[in-house]
Protein backbone atom coordinates (compact mmCIF):
# COMPACT_ATOMS: atom_id res chain seq x y z
CA UNK A 1 -8.70 -10.18 8.42
CA UNK A 2 -5.37 -9.04 8.88
CA UNK A 3 -5.59 -6.57 6.19
CA UNK A 4 -8.89 -4.59 8.18
CA UNK A 5 -6.70 -5.56 12.34
CA UNK A 6 -3.35 -3.67 10.75
CA UNK A 7 -5.45 -0.82 8.90
CA UNK A 8 -4.56 -1.42 5.26
CA UNK A 9 -7.99 -1.22 3.48
CA UNK A 10 -9.41 -4.76 3.23
CA UNK A 11 -10.19 -7.69 5.35
CA UNK A 12 -8.10 -10.59 3.51
CA UNK A 13 -5.22 -10.23 -0.15
CA UNK A 14 -8.21 -11.90 -2.32
CA UNK A 15 -10.59 -9.13 -1.64
CA UNK A 16 -12.21 -7.78 -4.46
CA UNK A 17 -13.51 -5.13 -5.79
CA UNK A 18 -9.90 -3.21 -4.03
CA UNK A 19 -6.32 -2.04 -5.21
CA UNK A 20 -3.00 -3.23 -5.10
CA UNK A 21 -0.43 -1.52 -3.59
CA UNK A 22 2.80 -1.93 -3.90
CA UNK A 23 5.94 0.35 -2.11
CA UNK A 24 8.84 0.70 -3.66
CA UNK A 25 12.00 1.73 -3.07
CA UNK A 26 14.12 3.22 -6.53
CA UNK A 27 12.71 2.30 -9.74
CA UNK A 28 11.96 -1.94 -9.18
CA UNK A 29 13.07 -2.78 -5.49
CA UNK A 30 9.58 -3.76 -4.00
CA UNK A 31 9.02 -3.24 -0.17
CA UNK A 32 5.85 -3.98 0.44
CA UNK A 33 3.04 -5.05 -1.21
CA UNK A 34 -0.94 -5.22 0.65
CA UNK A 35 -4.57 -4.98 -0.71
CA UNK A 36 -6.02 -1.94 0.26
CA UNK A 37 -9.68 -0.32 0.10
CA UNK A 38 -11.70 -0.52 -3.18
CA UNK A 39 -11.97 3.58 -3.03
CA UNK A 40 -8.50 5.21 -4.76
CA UNK A 41 -8.48 8.01 -2.40
CA UNK A 42 -8.28 5.80 0.80
CA UNK A 43 -5.90 3.66 -0.74
CA UNK A 44 -3.76 6.30 -1.57
CA UNK A 45 -4.20 7.79 1.74
CA UNK A 46 -3.03 4.34 3.67
CA UNK A 47 -0.43 3.79 1.28
CA UNK A 48 1.44 7.06 1.45
CA UNK A 49 1.09 6.99 4.78
CA UNK A 50 3.23 3.10 5.00
CA UNK A 51 5.83 4.84 2.44
CA UNK A 52 6.32 7.84 5.05
CA UNK A 53 7.08 4.95 7.61
CA UNK A 54 9.75 3.35 5.44
CA UNK A 55 10.80 7.30 4.61
CA UNK A 56 11.46 8.15 8.41
CA UNK A 57 12.97 4.75 9.73
CA UNK A 58 15.47 4.42 7.22
CA UNK A 59 15.44 7.93 6.06
CA UNK A 60 15.45 7.11 1.96
CA UNK A 61 13.89 9.45 -0.59
CA UNK A 62 13.31 7.43 -3.21
CA UNK A 63 10.09 5.59 -2.14
CA UNK A 64 7.16 5.52 -3.97
CA UNK A 65 3.64 3.85 -4.00
CA UNK A 66 1.87 2.03 -7.32
CA UNK A 67 -1.81 1.60 -7.05
CA UNK A 68 -3.63 -1.41 -9.12
CA UNK A 69 -7.64 -1.43 -9.20
CA UNK A 70 -8.76 -4.96 -9.49
CA UNK A 71 -12.19 -6.31 -9.32
């Protein structure tokens, strides 16, 4: 239930339907991966908040998110 408790939108990594979220630095360095809500708007909001955490913490300007719907 970590995802639900931490606010990622999905109870666990195997939940379906859901969106897989990858947060990148630059074009190909994956910083973070989690499973989020099946609702794309909700998943995008959560992903953007987590990406913003990296920007604020490290001052990077090349952080991006990628959502993939599954299930």
